[in-house]
Amino acid sequence: DLNKAVEFVGRVGAPNLRLAPSTAFLLAQKTGPSEARRLLEGKVGLWLVDAPQSDVVGRTWNGHAPIREYQDRQGLANILAVDPQAPLVLDGVYENHDEEYLDAKTLRQILT
């Protein structure tokens, strides 16, 4: 639960304690840019960049899909814009280095 994680970081009050939010989780939860900004601004230590995948009834079954296959690239860009200085870690499940390269290339396209 993102709200609980944000609340916990606030309670601890340590300036070096940050969150590593998964973009797949935020996208699957349909977290809009204003909500993401309200919750996460100034609290992101790094982004885990991945995409959600849903089954035929719309339930998320995979939170580590490659971003190159995700259709809402603007939604992903909007979430990453909450803290553009935070480091990015590709968190998808890749079968080989070529797939990881394609995600890195996609991420670069999204950010430019």
Protein backbone atom coordinates (compact mmCIF):
# COMPACT_ATOMS: atom_id res chain seq x y z
CA ASP A 1 0.00 0.00 0.00
CA LEU A 2 1.64 3.19 -1.23
CA ASN A 3 -0.12 5.40 1.31
CA LYS A 4 1.22 3.29 4.18
CA ALA A 5 4.75 3.39 2.75
CA VAL A 6 4.62 7.18 2.40
CA GLU A 7 3.22 7.47 5.93
CA PHE A 8 5.99 5.22 7.28
CA VAL A 9 8.74 7.28 5.63
CA GLY A 10 7.18 10.42 7.10
CA ARG A 11 6.99 8.90 10.60
CA VAL A 12 10.62 7.80 10.54
CA GLY A 13 11.68 11.25 9.46
CA ALA A 14 15.14 10.20 8.29
CA PRO A 15 16.25 12.38 5.36
CA ASN A 16 18.07 9.46 3.71
CA LEU A 17 15.08 7.08 3.78
CA ARG A 18 13.35 7.15 0.40
CA LEU A 19 10.95 5.00 -1.57
CA ALA A 20 11.63 2.87 -4.64
CA PRO A 21 8.21 2.89 -6.30
CA SER A 22 7.38 0.44 -9.05
CA THR A 23 5.95 2.17 -12.10
CA ALA A 24 3.98 -1.02 -12.86
CA PHE A 25 2.24 -0.77 -9.50
CA LEU A 26 1.40 2.90 -10.00
CA LEU A 27 0.16 2.30 -13.55
CA ALA A 28 -1.91 -0.75 -12.53
CA GLN A 29 -3.50 1.28 -9.73
CA LYS A 30 -4.33 4.01 -12.27
CA THR A 31 -2.40 6.54 -10.20
CA GLY A 32 -2.68 9.85 -12.02
CA PRO A 33 0.14 12.39 -12.23
CA SER A 34 -1.34 14.73 -9.59
CA GLU A 35 -1.90 11.87 -7.13
CA ALA A 36 1.61 10.51 -7.77
CA ARG A 37 3.07 13.96 -7.23
CA ARG A 38 1.10 14.47 -4.02
CA LEU A 39 2.27 11.15 -2.60
CA LEU A 40 5.81 10.86 -3.94
CA GLU A 41 7.30 14.29 -4.56
CA GLY A 42 10.58 14.50 -2.65
CA LYS A 43 10.33 10.90 -1.47
CA VAL A 44 11.66 8.88 -4.44
CA GLY A 45 15.09 7.31 -3.98
CA LEU A 46 14.93 5.46 -7.30
CA TRP A 47 12.33 4.31 -9.79
CA LEU A 48 11.73 0.62 -10.49
CA VAL A 49 10.71 0.94 -14.13
CA ASP A 50 8.42 -1.81 -15.35
CA ALA A 51 4.92 -2.21 -16.74
CA PRO A 52 1.82 -4.07 -15.63
CA GLN A 53 0.15 -6.82 -17.63
CA SER A 54 -3.51 -7.69 -17.18
CA ASP A 55 -5.52 -10.81 -17.89
CA VAL A 56 -8.66 -10.88 -20.05
CA VAL A 57 -10.86 -9.59 -17.21
CA GLY A 58 -8.52 -6.71 -16.44
CA ARG A 59 -6.80 -8.03 -13.30
CA THR A 60 -3.08 -7.37 -13.09
CA TRP A 61 -1.17 -10.63 -13.15
CA ASN A 62 2.34 -9.36 -13.86
CA GLY A 63 4.05 -6.35 -12.32
CA HIS A 64 7.39 -6.85 -14.07
CA ALA A 65 6.56 -6.67 -17.77
CA PRO A 66 8.89 -4.89 -20.18
CA ILE A 67 7.92 -1.28 -20.84
CA ARG A 68 8.39 -1.59 -24.61
CA GLU A 69 5.13 -3.56 -24.75
CA TYR A 70 3.16 -1.09 -22.64
CA GLN A 71 0.75 1.10 -24.59
CA ASP A 72 0.32 4.11 -22.26
CA ARG A 73 3.81 5.56 -22.60
CA GLN A 74 2.57 9.05 -21.75
CA GLY A 75 1.20 7.72 -18.45
CA LEU A 76 4.60 6.24 -17.67
CA ALA A 77 6.32 9.51 -18.60
CA ASN A 78 3.93 11.45 -16.34
CA ILE A 79 4.75 9.25 -13.36
CA LEU A 80 8.51 9.49 -13.91
CA ALA A 81 8.17 13.28 -14.19
CA VAL A 82 7.22 13.40 -10.50
CA ASP A 83 10.92 13.07 -9.70
CA PRO A 84 12.97 13.24 -12.91
CA GLN A 85 16.28 13.37 -11.01
CA ALA A 86 15.77 10.00 -9.29
CA PRO A 87 17.81 7.12 -10.71
CA LEU A 88 16.00 4.63 -12.95
CA VAL A 89 16.34 0.86 -12.70
CA LEU A 90 14.81 -1.36 -15.37
CA ASP A 91 12.83 -3.91 -13.34
CA GLY A 92 11.20 -5.96 -16.09
CA VAL A 93 11.77 -9.67 -16.51
CA TYR A 94 13.95 -10.17 -19.59
CA GLU A 95 14.86 -13.40 -21.34
CA ASN A 96 18.07 -11.96 -22.76
CA HIS A 97 20.18 -8.82 -23.06
CA ASP A 98 18.50 -7.85 -26.32
CA GLU A 99 15.14 -7.47 -24.57
CA GLU A 100 16.75 -5.34 -21.87
CA TYR A 101 18.39 -3.18 -24.55
CA LEU A 102 15.02 -2.65 -26.23
CA ASP A 103 13.54 -1.49 -22.91
CA ALA A 104 16.47 0.89 -22.35
CA LYS A 105 15.91 2.28 -25.84
CA THR A 106 12.17 2.64 -25.15
CA LEU A 107 12.85 4.39 -21.86
CA ARG A 108 15.13 6.86 -23.60
CA GLN A 109 12.39 7.61 -26.14
CA ILE A 110 9.86 8.15 -23.36
CA LEU A 111 12.13 10.55 -21.49
CA THR A 112 13.05 12.71 -24.48
